[in-house]
C-alpha cells in the first residue's frame, strides 16, 4: 500500500513556480507549498502473497487497486 502526494498535481505546482520565476519573481520570495492532493494505491497481489486481508472499505477508498 502506498499513500503519497499526487505526482500530476506536483508537476502542476512546479509549472506555476516556473511561470512566476520567468515573469520576474525571485525564487527566494516564493512561498513553500505543500501537496494538496494525495493518492492511495493498494497492491492486492502482494497483500495476498503476504497473507493479508484488505478490508473492502479500504479498497473502496483507494485511488488505484493493482490486482
PDB file of N, CA and C in Angstrom:
ATOM      1  N   UNK A   1       0.844  -1.160   0.000  1.00  0.00           N
ATOM      2  CA  UNK A   1       0.000   0.000   0.000  1.00  0.00           C
ATOM      3  C   UNK A   1       0.892   1.225   0.000  1.00  0.00           C
ATOM      4  N   UNK A   2       0.497   2.212  -0.753  1.00  0.00           N
ATOM      5  CA  UNK A   2       1.243   3.463  -0.846  1.00  0.00           C
ATOM      6  C   UNK A   2       0.276   4.626  -0.694  1.00  0.00           C
ATOM      7  N   UNK A   3       0.650   5.574   0.137  1.00  0.00           N
ATOM      8  CA  UNK A   3      -0.126   6.795   0.324  1.00  0.00           C
ATOM      9  C   UNK A   3       0.849   7.948   0.151  1.00  0.00           C
ATOM     10  N   UNK A   4       0.730   8.675  -0.957  1.00  0.00           N
ATOM     11  CA  UNK A   4       1.695   9.728  -1.238  1.00  0.00           C
ATOM     12  C   UNK A   4       1.038  10.870  -2.002  1.00  0.00           C
ATOM     13  N   UNK A   5       1.821  11.918  -2.192  1.00  0.00           N
ATOM     14  CA  UNK A   5       1.337  13.082  -2.941  1.00  0.00           C
ATOM     15  C   UNK A   5       1.103  12.699  -4.397  1.00  0.00           C
ATOM     16  N   UNK A   6       0.089  13.280  -4.989  1.00  0.00           N
ATOM     17  CA  UNK A   6      -0.250  13.040  -6.391  1.00  0.00           C
ATOM     18  C   UNK A   6       0.822  13.681  -7.270  1.00  0.00           C
ATOM     19  N   UNK A   7       1.469  12.888  -8.117  1.00  0.00           N
ATOM     20  CA  UNK A   7       2.562  13.382  -8.950  1.00  0.00           C
ATOM     21  C   UNK A   7       2.099  14.433  -9.949  1.00  0.00           C
ATOM     22  N   UNK A   8       0.970  14.206 -10.573  1.00  0.00           N
ATOM     23  CA  UNK A   8       0.481  15.139 -11.592  1.00  0.00           C
ATOM     24  C   UNK A   8       0.236  16.508 -10.965  1.00  0.00           C
ATOM     25  N   UNK A   9      -0.350  16.527  -9.786  1.00  0.00           N
ATOM     26  CA  UNK A   9      -0.599  17.788  -9.100  1.00  0.00           C
ATOM     27  C   UNK A   9       0.724  18.468  -8.734  1.00  0.00           C
ATOM     28  N   UNK A  10       1.725  17.701  -8.362  1.00  0.00           N
ATOM     29  CA  UNK A  10       3.040  18.264  -8.057  1.00  0.00           C
ATOM     30  C   UNK A  10       3.664  18.918  -9.275  1.00  0.00           C
ATOM     31  N   UNK A  11       3.500  18.298 -10.450  1.00  0.00           N
ATOM     32  CA  UNK A  11       4.016  18.895 -11.673  1.00  0.00           C
ATOM     33  C   UNK A  11       3.290  20.197 -11.996  1.00  0.00           C
ATOM     34  N   UNK A  12       2.000  20.250 -11.722  1.00  0.00           N
ATOM     35  CA  UNK A  12       1.247  21.489 -11.952  1.00  0.00           C
ATOM     36  C   UNK A  12       1.755  22.601 -11.045  1.00  0.00           C
ATOM     37  N   UNK A  13       2.026  22.267  -9.784  1.00  0.00           N
ATOM     38  CA  UNK A  13       2.549  23.274  -8.866  1.00  0.00           C
ATOM     39  C   UNK A  13       3.933  23.735  -9.314  1.00  0.00           C
ATOM     40  N   UNK A  14       4.752  22.820  -9.789  1.00  0.00           N
ATOM     41  CA  UNK A  14       6.086  23.179 -10.275  1.00  0.00           C
ATOM     42  C   UNK A  14       5.975  24.104 -11.489  1.00  0.00           C
ATOM     43  N   UNK A  15       5.040  23.841 -12.365  1.00  0.00           N
ATOM     44  CA  UNK A  15       4.841  24.702 -13.531  1.00  0.00           C
ATOM     45  C   UNK A  15       4.443  26.109 -13.099  1.00  0.00           C
ATOM     46  N   UNK A  16       3.658  26.212 -12.054  1.00  0.00           N
ATOM     47  CA  UNK A  16       3.275  27.521 -11.526  1.00  0.00           C
ATOM     48  C   UNK A  16       4.493  28.278 -11.016  1.00  0.00           C
ATOM     49  N   UNK A  17       5.401  27.571 -10.336  1.00  0.00           N
ATOM     50  CA  UNK A  17       6.631  28.195  -9.853  1.00  0.00           C
ATOM     51  C   UNK A  17       7.500  28.670 -11.018  1.00  0.00           C
ATOM     52  N   UNK A  18       7.648  27.853 -12.038  1.00  0.00           N
ATOM     53  CA  UNK A  18       8.448  28.221 -13.207  1.00  0.00           C
ATOM     54  C   UNK A  18       7.854  29.458 -13.873  1.00  0.00           C
ATOM     55  N   UNK A  19       6.536  29.503 -13.991  1.00  0.00           N
ATOM     56  CA  UNK A  19       5.865  30.650 -14.587  1.00  0.00           C
ATOM     57  C   UNK A  19       6.168  31.915 -13.797  1.00  0.00           C
ATOM     58  N   UNK A  20       6.092  31.847 -12.481  1.00  0.00           N
ATOM     59  CA  UNK A  20       6.365  33.022 -11.651  1.00  0.00           C
ATOM     60  C   UNK A  20       7.812  33.485 -11.792  1.00  0.00           C
ATOM     61  N   UNK A  21       8.745  32.547 -11.840  1.00  0.00           N
ATOM     62  CA  UNK A  21      10.162  32.891 -11.972  1.00  0.00           C
ATOM     63  C   UNK A  21      10.429  33.530 -13.331  1.00  0.00           C
ATOM     64  N   UNK A  22       9.835  32.970 -14.378  1.00  0.00           N
ATOM     65  CA  UNK A  22      10.028  33.536 -15.710  1.00  0.00           C
ATOM     66  C   UNK A  22       9.405  34.918 -15.850  1.00  0.00           C
ATOM     67  N   UNK A  23       8.426  35.218 -15.040  1.00  0.00           N
ATOM     68  CA  UNK A  23       7.800  36.551 -15.058  1.00  0.00           C
ATOM     69  C   UNK A  23       8.550  37.555 -14.182  1.00  0.00           C
ATOM     70  N   UNK A  24       9.633  37.104 -13.533  1.00  0.00           N
ATOM     71  CA  UNK A  24      10.477  38.041 -12.802  1.00  0.00           C
ATOM     72  C   UNK A  24      10.491  37.897 -11.292  1.00  0.00           C
ATOM     73  N   UNK A  25       9.763  36.962 -10.740  1.00  0.00           N
ATOM     74  CA  UNK A  25       9.761  36.790  -9.283  1.00  0.00           C
ATOM     75  C   UNK A  25      11.074  36.160  -8.834  1.00  0.00           C
ATOM     76  N   UNK A  26      11.521  36.554  -7.657  1.00  0.00           N
ATOM     77  CA  UNK A  26      12.737  35.966  -7.106  1.00  0.00           C
ATOM     78  C   UNK A  26      12.374  34.629  -6.448  1.00  0.00           C
ATOM     79  N   UNK A  27      13.129  33.571  -6.728  1.00  0.00           N
ATOM     80  CA  UNK A  27      12.818  32.266  -6.135  1.00  0.00           C
ATOM     81  C   UNK A  27      12.787  32.292  -4.604  1.00  0.00           C
ATOM     82  N   UNK A  28      13.618  33.119  -3.999  1.00  0.00           N
ATOM     83  CA  UNK A  28      13.649  33.198  -2.530  1.00  0.00           C
ATOM     84  C   UNK A  28      12.375  33.810  -1.964  1.00  0.00           C
ATOM     85  N   UNK A  29      11.656  34.590  -2.782  1.00  0.00           N
ATOM     86  CA  UNK A  29      10.430  35.238  -2.312  1.00  0.00           C
ATOM     87  C   UNK A  29       9.185  34.376  -2.478  1.00  0.00           C
ATOM     88  N   UNK A  30       9.302  33.269  -3.183  1.00  0.00           N
ATOM     89  CA  UNK A  30       8.138  32.408  -3.414  1.00  0.00           C
ATOM     90  C   UNK A  30       7.836  31.577  -2.169  1.00  0.00           C
ATOM     91  N   UNK A  31       6.573  31.397  -1.841  1.00  0.00           N
ATOM     92  CA  UNK A  31       6.225  30.598  -0.656  1.00  0.00           C
ATOM     93  C   UNK A  31       6.437  29.099  -0.893  1.00  0.00           C
ATOM     94  N   UNK A  32       6.673  28.403   0.169  1.00  0.00           N
ATOM     95  CA  UNK A  32       6.800  26.947   0.100  1.00  0.00           C
ATOM     96  C   UNK A  32       5.391  26.370   0.083  1.00  0.00           C
ATOM     97  N   UNK A  33       5.134  25.490  -0.861  1.00  0.00           N
ATOM     98  CA  UNK A  33       3.806  24.895  -0.969  1.00  0.00           C
ATOM     99  C   UNK A  33       3.870  23.421  -0.609  1.00  0.00           C
ATOM    100  N   UNK A  34       2.852  22.973   0.068  1.00  0.00           N
ATOM    101  CA  UNK A  34       2.740  21.557   0.403  1.00  0.00           C
ATOM    102  C   UNK A  34       1.776  20.895  -0.585  1.00  0.00           C
ATOM    103  N   UNK A  35       1.876  19.593  -0.744  1.00  0.00           N
ATOM    104  CA  UNK A  35       0.948  18.907  -1.653  1.00  0.00           C
ATOM    105  C   UNK A  35      -0.504  19.104  -1.220  1.00  0.00           C
ATOM    106  N   UNK A  36      -1.360  19.220  -2.215  1.00  0.00           N
ATOM    107  CA  UNK A  36      -2.787  19.416  -1.946  1.00  0.00           C
ATOM    108  C   UNK A  36      -3.539  18.097  -2.086  1.00  0.00           C
ATOM    109  N   UNK A  37      -3.190  17.336  -3.106  1.00  0.00           N
ATOM    110  CA  UNK A  37      -3.874  16.068  -3.368  1.00  0.00           C
ATOM    111  C   UNK A  37      -2.954  14.901  -3.034  1.00  0.00           C
ATOM    112  N   UNK A  38      -3.528  13.871  -2.476  1.00  0.00           N
ATOM    113  CA  UNK A  38      -2.809  12.637  -2.163  1.00  0.00           C
ATOM    114  C   UNK A  38      -3.515  11.478  -2.842  1.00  0.00           C
ATOM    115  N   UNK A  39      -2.768  10.415  -3.108  1.00  0.00           N
ATOM    116  CA  UNK A  39      -3.366   9.233  -3.717  1.00  0.00           C
ATOM    117  C   UNK A  39      -2.964   7.989  -2.925  1.00  0.00           C
ATOM    118  N   UNK A  40      -3.857   7.021  -2.918  1.00  0.00           N
ATOM    119  CA  UNK A  40      -3.590   5.766  -2.228  1.00  0.00           C
ATOM    120  C   UNK A  40      -3.694   4.627  -3.238  1.00  0.00           C
ATOM    121  N   UNK A  41      -2.645   3.804  -3.275  1.00  0.00           N
ATOM    122  CA  UNK A  41      -2.583   2.665  -4.198  1.00  0.00           C
ATOM    123  C   UNK A  41      -2.407   1.404  -3.361  1.00  0.00           C
ATOM    124  N   UNK A  42      -3.197   0.385  -3.653  1.00  0.00           N
ATOM    125  CA  UNK A  42      -3.122  -0.891  -2.932  1.00  0.00           C
ATOM    126  C   UNK A  42      -2.779  -1.985  -3.930  1.00  0.00           C
ATOM    127  N   UNK A  43      -1.787  -2.799  -3.598  1.00  0.00           N
ATOM    128  CA  UNK A  43      -1.383  -3.924  -4.434  1.00  0.00           C
ATOM    129  C   UNK A  43      -1.948  -5.199  -3.803  1.00  0.00           C
ATOM    130  N   UNK A  44      -3.036  -5.697  -4.367  1.00  0.00           N
ATOM    131  CA  UNK A  44      -3.708  -6.876  -3.810  1.00  0.00           C
ATOM    132  C   UNK A  44      -2.887  -8.154  -3.978  1.00  0.00           C
ATOM    133  N   UNK A  45      -2.150  -8.256  -5.079  1.00  0.00           N
ATOM    134  CA  UNK A  45      -1.348  -9.447  -5.316  1.00  0.00           C
ATOM    135  C   UNK A  45      -0.294  -9.620  -4.220  1.00  0.00           C
ATOM    136  N   UNK A  46       0.364  -8.535  -3.858  1.00  0.00           N
ATOM    137  CA  UNK A  46       1.368  -8.588  -2.790  1.00  0.00           C
ATOM    138  C   UNK A  46       0.714  -8.838  -1.441  1.00  0.00           C
ATOM    139  N   UNK A  47      -0.433  -8.219  -1.202  1.00  0.00           N
ATOM    140  CA  UNK A  47      -1.138  -8.427   0.069  1.00  0.00           C
ATOM    141  C   UNK A  47      -1.523  -9.892   0.231  1.00  0.00           C
ATOM    142  N   UNK A  48      -1.997 -10.512  -0.839  1.00  0.00           N
ATOM    143  CA  UNK A  48      -2.372 -11.929  -0.767  1.00  0.00           C
ATOM    144  C   UNK A  48      -1.148 -12.805  -0.567  1.00  0.00           C
ATOM    145  N   UNK A  49      -0.013 -12.439  -1.210  1.00  0.00           N
ATOM    146  CA  UNK A  49       1.221 -13.211  -1.046  1.00  0.00           C
ATOM    147  C   UNK A  49       1.725 -13.146   0.396  1.00  0.00           C
ATOM    148  N   UNK A  50       1.464 -12.030   1.068  1.00  0.00           N
ATOM    149  CA  UNK A  50       1.867 -11.871   2.468  1.00  0.00           C
ATOM    150  C   UNK A  50       0.829 -12.419   3.440  1.00  0.00           C
ATOM    151  N   UNK A  51      -0.313 -12.841   2.916  1.00  0.00           N
ATOM    152  CA  UNK A  51      -1.371 -13.381   3.761  1.00  0.00           C
ATOM    153  C   UNK A  51      -2.190 -12.317   4.464  1.00  0.00           C
ATOM    154  N   UNK A  52      -2.260 -11.132   3.886  1.00  0.00           N
ATOM    155  CA  UNK A  52      -3.016 -10.024   4.479  1.00  0.00           C
ATOM    156  C   UNK A  52      -4.385  -9.911   3.837  1.00  0.00           C
ATOM    157  N   UNK A  53      -5.377  -9.642   4.645  1.00  0.00           N
ATOM    158  CA  UNK A  53      -6.725  -9.377   4.145  1.00  0.00           C
ATOM    159  C   UNK A  53      -6.947  -7.870   4.155  1.00  0.00           C
ATOM    160  N   UNK A  54      -7.316  -7.327   3.007  1.00  0.00           N
ATOM    161  CA  UNK A  54      -7.570  -5.890   2.894  1.00  0.00           C
ATOM    162  C   UNK A  54      -9.076  -5.680   3.018  1.00  0.00           C
ATOM    163  N   UNK A  55      -9.520  -4.868   3.984  1.00  0.00           N
ATOM    164  CA  UNK A  55     -10.959  -4.633   4.160  1.00  0.00           C
ATOM    165  C   UNK A  55     -11.573  -3.955   2.931  1.00  0.00           C
ATOM    166  N   UNK A  56     -12.808  -4.311   2.608  1.00  0.00           N
ATOM    167  CA  UNK A  56     -13.474  -3.722   1.439  1.00  0.00           C
ATOM    168  C   UNK A  56     -13.608  -2.200   1.530  1.00  0.00           C
ATOM    169  N   UNK A  57     -13.751  -1.663   2.745  1.00  0.00           N
ATOM    170  CA  UNK A  57     -13.866  -0.211   2.884  1.00  0.00           C
ATOM    171  C   UNK A  57     -12.566   0.482   2.479  1.00  0.00           C
ATOM    172  N   UNK A  58     -11.436  -0.148   2.770  1.00  0.00           N
ATOM    173  CA  UNK A  58     -10.148   0.406   2.375  1.00  0.00           C
ATOM    174  C   UNK A  58      -9.974   0.318   0.857  1.00  0.00           C
ATOM    175  N   UNK A  59     -10.430  -0.761   0.267  1.00  0.00           N
ATOM    176  CA  UNK A  59     -10.368  -0.895  -1.191  1.00  0.00           C
ATOM    177  C   UNK A  59     -11.242   0.149  -1.878  1.00  0.00           C
ATOM    178  N   UNK A  60     -12.371   0.468  -1.269  1.00  0.00           N
ATOM    179  CA  UNK A  60     -13.271   1.450  -1.858  1.00  0.00           C
ATOM    180  C   UNK A  60     -12.661   2.856  -1.823  1.00  0.00           C
ATOM    181  N   UNK A  61     -11.840   3.138  -0.822  1.00  0.00           N
ATOM    182  CA  UNK A  61     -11.220   4.462  -0.710  1.00  0.00           C
ATOM    183  C   UNK A  61      -9.970   4.616  -1.548  1.00  0.00           C
ATOM    184  N   UNK A  62      -9.396   3.530  -2.018  1.00  0.00           N
ATOM    185  CA  UNK A  62      -8.154   3.588  -2.787  1.00  0.00           C
ATOM    186  C   UNK A  62      -8.380   4.248  -4.148  1.00  0.00           C
ATOM    187  N   UNK A  63      -7.410   5.014  -4.586  1.00  0.00           N
ATOM    188  CA  UNK A  63      -7.477   5.630  -5.906  1.00  0.00           C
ATOM    189  C   UNK A  63      -7.152   4.631  -6.999  1.00  0.00           C
ATOM    190  N   UNK A  64      -6.293   3.665  -6.662  1.00  0.00           N
ATOM    191  CA  UNK A  64      -5.922   2.631  -7.633  1.00  0.00           C
ATOM    192  C   UNK A  64      -5.706   1.320  -6.889  1.00  0.00           C
ATOM    193  N   UNK A  65      -6.208   0.235  -7.467  1.00  0.00           N
ATOM    194  CA  UNK A  65      -6.023  -1.097  -6.905  1.00  0.00           C
ATOM    195  C   UNK A  65      -5.328  -1.952  -7.957  1.00  0.00           C
ATOM    196  N   UNK A  66      -4.160  -2.479  -7.599  1.00  0.00           N
ATOM    197  CA  UNK A  66      -3.392  -3.339  -8.513  1.00  0.00           C
ATOM    198  C   UNK A  66      -3.713  -4.783  -8.170  1.00  0.00           C
ATOM    199  N   UNK A  67      -4.159  -5.541  -9.154  1.00  0.00           N
ATOM    200  CA  UNK A  67      -4.548  -6.923  -8.885  1.00  0.00           C
ATOM    201  C   UNK A  67      -3.535  -7.905  -9.402  1.00  0.00           C
TER     202      UNK A  67
END
